[in-house]
Amino acid sequence: AWGEKVTVTFDAETNELNWSVGGAQTGKKNDITISTTAGAYNTNDKDYRIYAGETLTIACDNANITKIVITCSASGTDKYGPGNFSNPTSGKYSYSSKNITGTWTGSAQTMTLTASGSQIRMKKIVVTYEKVAPPPEVSALSITDLYSEIKREYYIGETPSAEGLTVTATYEDGNTGDVTSLVSWTFE
């Protein structure tokens, strides 16, 4: 349903992203795609790895992501911890020096973090997004001239016209004049 919050969890224990050993990685579950410019899945430690200097991108197909919680194998800015992520492309990323989780909050269809401190080893990634209702379809626009009460209706796909509209200028001396031919019309 529109407005519904949906949570998708990627658990490294079962390699739900289906990442392999080394190189660029991409994996998808439901509407969420998680990729890195260079990383790996480690079968021994059962974790997703983002190499130092590389990026982690999380995207949603049809909605805005509002929260991402990343659980790592170390805490804070320790090697492999969530404090080694920086530079979110939008929103706010935070972590505690004593905690193994980092949290991004915001509203974006795509969000990227950079592994700037060291390699980051992730055990779980929980992504929350909210399905937003599409704008209602518009079939026609009505334009009414406030002075003459002439009503014009334009249907989507038609190009509006300024034909019949008049622009009158009032000069500083109080005189008026028709300046319609001097006006350029733009419709969006």
C-alpha atoms as a PDB file:
ATOM      1  CA  ALA A   1       0.000   0.000   0.000  1.00  0.00           C
ATOM      2  CA  TRP A   2       1.155   3.554  -0.639  1.00  0.00           C
ATOM      3  CA  GLY A   3       2.677   5.179   2.429  1.00  0.00           C
ATOM      4  CA  GLU A   4       3.635   1.760   3.782  1.00  0.00           C
ATOM      5  CA  LYS A   5       7.117   1.410   5.293  1.00  0.00           C
ATOM      6  CA  VAL A   6       8.911  -1.647   3.948  1.00  0.00           C
ATOM      7  CA  THR A   7      12.034  -3.155   5.504  1.00  0.00           C
ATOM      8  CA  VAL A   8      14.429  -5.382   3.573  1.00  0.00           C
ATOM      9  CA  THR A   9      17.221  -7.205   5.439  1.00  0.00           C
ATOM     10  CA  PHE A  10      20.382  -8.534   3.815  1.00  0.00           C
ATOM     11  CA  ASP A  11      22.050 -11.120   6.061  1.00  0.00           C
ATOM     12  CA  ALA A  12      25.672 -11.959   5.286  1.00  0.00           C
ATOM     13  CA  GLU A  13      25.300 -15.266   7.122  1.00  0.00           C
ATOM     14  CA  THR A  14      23.400 -16.572   4.091  1.00  0.00           C
ATOM     15  CA  ASN A  15      24.924 -14.196   1.462  1.00  0.00           C
ATOM     16  CA  GLU A  16      21.546 -12.832   0.369  1.00  0.00           C
ATOM     17  CA  LEU A  17      23.309 -10.434  -2.007  1.00  0.00           C
ATOM     18  CA  ASN A  18      25.000 -13.339  -3.815  1.00  0.00           C
ATOM     19  CA  TRP A  19      28.305 -11.472  -3.904  1.00  0.00           C
ATOM     20  CA  SER A  20      31.429 -13.325  -4.994  1.00  0.00           C
ATOM     21  CA  VAL A  21      35.125 -13.055  -4.174  1.00  0.00           C
ATOM     22  CA  GLY A  22      36.557  -9.662  -5.197  1.00  0.00           C
ATOM     23  CA  GLY A  23      35.853  -6.958  -7.768  1.00  0.00           C
ATOM     24  CA  ALA A  24      32.738  -4.898  -8.353  1.00  0.00           C
ATOM     25  CA  GLN A  25      29.698  -6.490  -6.728  1.00  0.00           C
ATOM     26  CA  THR A  26      25.950  -6.066  -7.187  1.00  0.00           C
ATOM     27  CA  GLY A  27      23.067  -7.866  -5.541  1.00  0.00           C
ATOM     28  CA  LYS A  28      19.320  -7.367  -5.366  1.00  0.00           C
ATOM     29  CA  LYS A  29      16.483  -8.395  -3.096  1.00  0.00           C
ATOM     30  CA  ASN A  30      12.929  -7.187  -3.600  1.00  0.00           C
ATOM     31  CA  ASP A  31      13.161  -3.516  -4.688  1.00  0.00           C
ATOM     32  CA  ILE A  32      16.620  -2.880  -3.200  1.00  0.00           C
ATOM     33  CA  THR A  33      19.948  -3.104  -5.069  1.00  0.00           C
ATOM     34  CA  ILE A  34      23.239  -2.958  -3.156  1.00  0.00           C
ATOM     35  CA  SER A  35      26.499  -2.572  -5.057  1.00  0.00           C
ATOM     36  CA  THR A  36      30.117  -1.671  -4.504  1.00  0.00           C
ATOM     37  CA  THR A  37      32.846  -0.502  -6.839  1.00  0.00           C
ATOM     38  CA  ALA A  38      35.151  -3.111  -5.272  1.00  0.00           C
ATOM     39  CA  GLY A  39      34.392  -5.582  -2.522  1.00  0.00           C
ATOM     40  CA  ALA A  40      33.746  -9.242  -1.783  1.00  0.00           C
ATOM     41  CA  TYR A  41      31.814 -11.832   0.139  1.00  0.00           C
ATOM     42  CA  ASN A  42      34.009 -13.775   2.527  1.00  0.00           C
ATOM     43  CA  THR A  43      32.772 -17.349   2.909  1.00  0.00           C
ATOM     44  CA  ASN A  44      34.863 -18.057   6.036  1.00  0.00           C
ATOM     45  CA  ASP A  45      33.853 -14.986   8.067  1.00  0.00           C
ATOM     46  CA  LYS A  46      30.470 -14.677   6.362  1.00  0.00           C
ATOM     47  CA  ASP A  47      30.577 -10.947   5.752  1.00  0.00           C
ATOM     48  CA  TYR A  48      30.251  -8.428   2.945  1.00  0.00           C
ATOM     49  CA  ARG A  49      33.410  -6.398   2.432  1.00  0.00           C
ATOM     50  CA  ILE A  50      33.868  -2.930   0.979  1.00  0.00           C
ATOM     51  CA  TYR A  51      37.515  -2.235   0.221  1.00  0.00           C
ATOM     52  CA  ALA A  52      39.146   0.982   1.460  1.00  0.00           C
ATOM     53  CA  GLY A  53      38.587   3.899  -0.910  1.00  0.00           C
ATOM     54  CA  GLU A  54      35.617   2.217  -2.620  1.00  0.00           C
ATOM     55  CA  THR A  55      31.919   3.065  -2.520  1.00  0.00           C
ATOM     56  CA  LEU A  56      28.785   1.322  -1.331  1.00  0.00           C
ATOM     57  CA  THR A  57      25.606   2.273  -3.207  1.00  0.00           C
ATOM     58  CA  ILE A  58      22.117   1.330  -2.059  1.00  0.00           C
ATOM     59  CA  ALA A  59      19.189   2.038  -4.392  1.00  0.00           C
ATOM     60  CA  CYS A  60      15.453   1.420  -4.417  1.00  0.00           C
ATOM     61  CA  ASP A  61      13.590   0.763  -7.675  1.00  0.00           C
ATOM     62  CA  ASN A  62      10.403   2.654  -6.958  1.00  0.00           C
ATOM     63  CA  ALA A  63      10.535   4.553  -3.668  1.00  0.00           C
ATOM     64  CA  ASN A  64      12.696   6.683  -1.407  1.00  0.00           C
ATOM     65  CA  ILE A  65      14.918   4.986   1.137  1.00  0.00           C
ATOM     66  CA  THR A  66      14.428   6.566   4.584  1.00  0.00           C
ATOM     67  CA  LYS A  67      16.779   4.522   6.800  1.00  0.00           C
ATOM     68  CA  ILE A  68      19.706   2.129   6.458  1.00  0.00           C
ATOM     69  CA  VAL A  69      21.268   0.304   9.410  1.00  0.00           C
ATOM     70  CA  ILE A  70      24.619  -1.398   8.733  1.00  0.00           C
ATOM     71  CA  THR A  71      25.935  -3.899  11.272  1.00  0.00           C
ATOM     72  CA  CYS A  72      29.689  -4.465  11.046  1.00  0.00           C
ATOM     73  CA  SER A  73      32.166  -6.917  12.584  1.00  0.00           C
ATOM     74  CA  ALA A  74      33.963  -4.148  14.549  1.00  0.00           C
ATOM     75  CA  SER A  75      32.892  -0.964  16.320  1.00  0.00           C
ATOM     76  CA  GLY A  76      33.299   2.748  15.612  1.00  0.00           C
ATOM     77  CA  THR A  77      36.369   3.696  13.593  1.00  0.00           C
ATOM     78  CA  ASP A  78      38.208   0.474  14.461  1.00  0.00           C
ATOM     79  CA  LYS A  79      39.403  -1.472  11.444  1.00  0.00           C
ATOM     80  CA  TYR A  80      36.303  -2.893   9.684  1.00  0.00           C
ATOM     81  CA  GLY A  81      33.880  -0.746  11.736  1.00  0.00           C
ATOM     82  CA  PRO A  82      30.974   1.481  10.599  1.00  0.00           C
ATOM     83  CA  GLY A  83      32.913   4.650  11.459  1.00  0.00           C
ATOM     84  CA  ASN A  84      35.015   4.125   8.357  1.00  0.00           C
ATOM     85  CA  PHE A  85      32.113   5.099   6.104  1.00  0.00           C
ATOM     86  CA  SER A  86      31.904   8.781   5.124  1.00  0.00           C
ATOM     87  CA  ASN A  87      30.589  11.225   2.525  1.00  0.00           C
ATOM     88  CA  PRO A  88      26.940  10.196   2.109  1.00  0.00           C
ATOM     89  CA  THR A  89      25.575  11.592  -1.158  1.00  0.00           C
ATOM     90  CA  SER A  90      22.514  12.763   0.770  1.00  0.00           C
ATOM     91  CA  GLY A  91      20.979  12.515   4.210  1.00  0.00           C
ATOM     92  CA  LYS A  92      22.957  11.957   7.391  1.00  0.00           C
ATOM     93  CA  TYR A  93      25.195   9.057   8.414  1.00  0.00           C
ATOM     94  CA  SER A  94      26.054   8.459  12.079  1.00  0.00           C
ATOM     95  CA  TYR A  95      27.678   5.831  14.283  1.00  0.00           C
ATOM     96  CA  SER A  96      28.796   5.422  17.867  1.00  0.00           C
ATOM     97  CA  SER A  97      32.439   4.756  18.715  1.00  0.00           C
ATOM     98  CA  LYS A  98      31.281   1.918  20.990  1.00  0.00           C
ATOM     99  CA  ASN A  99      28.780   0.355  18.629  1.00  0.00           C
ATOM    100  CA  ILE A 100      29.021  -1.976  15.640  1.00  0.00           C
ATOM    101  CA  THR A 101      26.181  -0.290  13.745  1.00  0.00           C
ATOM    102  CA  GLY A 102      26.096   2.769  11.513  1.00  0.00           C
ATOM    103  CA  THR A 103      22.818   4.440  10.571  1.00  0.00           C
ATOM    104  CA  TRP A 104      21.932   6.522   7.534  1.00  0.00           C
ATOM    105  CA  THR A 105      18.718   8.570   7.581  1.00  0.00           C
ATOM    106  CA  GLY A 106      17.273  10.725   4.854  1.00  0.00           C
ATOM    107  CA  SER A 107      15.004  10.424   1.851  1.00  0.00           C
ATOM    108  CA  ALA A 108      16.577   9.337  -1.425  1.00  0.00           C
ATOM    109  CA  GLN A 109      16.058   6.747  -4.090  1.00  0.00           C
ATOM    110  CA  THR A 110      19.840   6.179  -4.235  1.00  0.00           C
ATOM    111  CA  MET A 111      22.451   6.717  -1.529  1.00  0.00           C
ATOM    112  CA  THR A 112      26.231   6.204  -1.671  1.00  0.00           C
ATOM    113  CA  LEU A 113      28.825   5.972   1.137  1.00  0.00           C
ATOM    114  CA  THR A 114      32.619   5.855   0.767  1.00  0.00           C
ATOM    115  CA  ALA A 115      34.843   3.464   2.720  1.00  0.00           C
ATOM    116  CA  SER A 116      37.349   6.179   3.523  1.00  0.00           C
ATOM    117  CA  GLY A 117      39.017   4.891   6.697  1.00  0.00           C
ATOM    118  CA  SER A 118      39.702   1.222   6.038  1.00  0.00           C
ATOM    119  CA  GLN A 119      38.027  -1.845   4.654  1.00  0.00           C
ATOM    120  CA  ILE A 120      34.532  -2.310   6.104  1.00  0.00           C
ATOM    121  CA  ARG A 121      33.108  -5.704   6.929  1.00  0.00           C
ATOM    122  CA  MET A 122      29.335  -5.860   7.111  1.00  0.00           C
ATOM    123  CA  LYS A 123      27.304  -8.625   8.748  1.00  0.00           C
ATOM    124  CA  LYS A 124      23.844  -7.213   8.071  1.00  0.00           C
ATOM    125  CA  ILE A 125      22.274  -4.376   6.080  1.00  0.00           C
ATOM    126  CA  VAL A 126      18.695  -3.337   6.898  1.00  0.00           C
ATOM    127  CA  VAL A 127      17.049  -0.946   4.426  1.00  0.00           C
ATOM    128  CA  THR A 128      13.739   0.807   5.107  1.00  0.00           C
ATOM    129  CA  TYR A 129      11.838   2.599   2.378  1.00  0.00           C
ATOM    130  CA  GLU A 130       8.429   4.141   2.040  1.00  0.00           C
ATOM    131  CA  LYS A 131       6.202   3.560  -0.935  1.00  0.00           C
ATOM    132  CA  VAL A 132       5.006   6.946  -2.142  1.00  0.00           C
ATOM    133  CA  ALA A 133       1.807   7.349  -4.112  1.00  0.00           C
ATOM    134  CA  PRO A 134       2.335   8.546  -7.659  1.00  0.00           C
ATOM    135  CA  PRO A 135       0.894  11.972  -8.440  1.00  0.00           C
ATOM    136  CA  PRO A 136      -2.656  11.832  -9.769  1.00  0.00           C
ATOM    137  CA  GLU A 137      -3.021  11.787 -13.523  1.00  0.00           C
ATOM    138  CA  VAL A 138      -4.060  15.131 -14.965  1.00  0.00           C
ATOM    139  CA  SER A 139      -6.328  15.048 -17.995  1.00  0.00           C
ATOM    140  CA  ALA A 140      -7.039  18.738 -18.499  1.00  0.00           C
ATOM    141  CA  LEU A 141      -6.115  22.224 -17.303  1.00  0.00           C
ATOM    142  CA  SER A 142      -8.579  25.074 -17.154  1.00  0.00           C
ATOM    143  CA  ILE A 143      -7.366  28.652 -17.535  1.00  0.00           C
ATOM    144  CA  THR A 144      -9.774  31.455 -16.734  1.00  0.00           C
ATOM    145  CA  ASP A 145      -9.143  35.097 -17.548  1.00  0.00           C
ATOM    146  CA  LEU A 146      -9.993  36.832 -14.274  1.00  0.00           C
ATOM    147  CA  TYR A 147     -11.226  40.008 -15.980  1.00  0.00           C
ATOM    148  CA  SER A 148     -13.350  38.706 -18.824  1.00  0.00           C
ATOM    149  CA  GLU A 149     -14.127  35.323 -17.230  1.00  0.00           C
ATOM    150  CA  ILE A 150     -13.290  33.592 -20.493  1.00  0.00           C
ATOM    151  CA  LYS A 151     -12.558  29.962 -19.688  1.00  0.00           C
ATOM    152  CA  ARG A 152     -10.240  27.851 -21.802  1.00  0.00           C
ATOM    153  CA  GLU A 153      -9.627  24.163 -21.352  1.00  0.00           C
ATOM    154  CA  TYR A 154      -6.477  22.424 -22.537  1.00  0.00           C
ATOM    155  CA  TYR A 155      -6.070  18.667 -22.588  1.00  0.00           C
ATOM    156  CA  ILE A 156      -2.789  16.933 -21.879  1.00  0.00           C
ATOM    157  CA  GLY A 157      -0.792  16.687 -25.091  1.00  0.00           C
ATOM    158  CA  GLU A 158      -2.244  19.874 -26.552  1.00  0.00           C
ATOM    159  CA  THR A 159      -0.149  23.007 -26.819  1.00  0.00           C
ATOM    160  CA  PRO A 160      -1.780  25.948 -25.032  1.00  0.00           C
ATOM    161  CA  SER A 161      -2.287  29.058 -27.085  1.00  0.00           C
ATOM    162  CA  ALA A 162      -2.132  32.736 -26.154  1.00  0.00           C
ATOM    163  CA  GLU A 163      -4.488  33.595 -28.998  1.00  0.00           C
ATOM    164  CA  GLY A 164      -7.095  36.073 -27.833  1.00  0.00           C
ATOM    165  CA  LEU A 165      -5.135  37.082 -24.728  1.00  0.00           C
ATOM    166  CA  THR A 166      -4.287  40.741 -24.491  1.00  0.00           C
ATOM    167  CA  VAL A 167      -1.587  42.444 -22.456  1.00  0.00           C
ATOM    168  CA  THR A 168      -2.126  46.085 -21.633  1.00  0.00           C
ATOM    169  CA  ALA A 169       0.609  48.299 -20.175  1.00  0.00           C
ATOM    170  CA  THR A 170      -0.114  51.233 -17.906  1.00  0.00           C
ATOM    171  CA  TYR A 171       2.539  53.916 -18.271  1.00  0.00           C
ATOM    172  CA  GLU A 172       3.815  56.296 -15.603  1.00  0.00           C
ATOM    173  CA  ASP A 173       1.759  59.153 -17.092  1.00  0.00           C
ATOM    174  CA  GLY A 174      -1.443  57.111 -16.671  1.00  0.00           C
ATOM    175  CA  ASN A 175      -1.908  56.267 -20.352  1.00  0.00           C
ATOM    176  CA  THR A 176      -2.419  52.655 -21.405  1.00  0.00           C
ATOM    177  CA  GLY A 177      -1.443  50.784 -24.503  1.00  0.00           C
ATOM    178  CA  ASP A 178      -1.759  47.324 -26.045  1.00  0.00           C
ATOM    179  CA  VAL A 179       1.641  45.592 -25.820  1.00  0.00           C
ATOM    180  CA  THR A 180       0.488  42.069 -26.706  1.00  0.00           C
ATOM    181  CA  SER A 181       2.803  41.922 -29.734  1.00  0.00           C
ATOM    182  CA  LEU A 182       5.785  42.598 -27.449  1.00  0.00           C
ATOM    183  CA  VAL A 183       5.026  39.693 -25.085  1.00  0.00           C
ATOM    184  CA  SER A 184       6.622  36.268 -25.349  1.00  0.00           C
ATOM    185  CA  TRP A 185       4.480  33.418 -23.979  1.00  0.00           C
ATOM    186  CA  THR A 186       5.868  30.246 -22.383  1.00  0.00           C
ATOM    187  CA  PHE A 187       3.709  27.355 -21.194  1.00  0.00           C
ATOM    188  CA  GLU A 188       5.037  24.535 -18.991  1.00  0.00           C
END
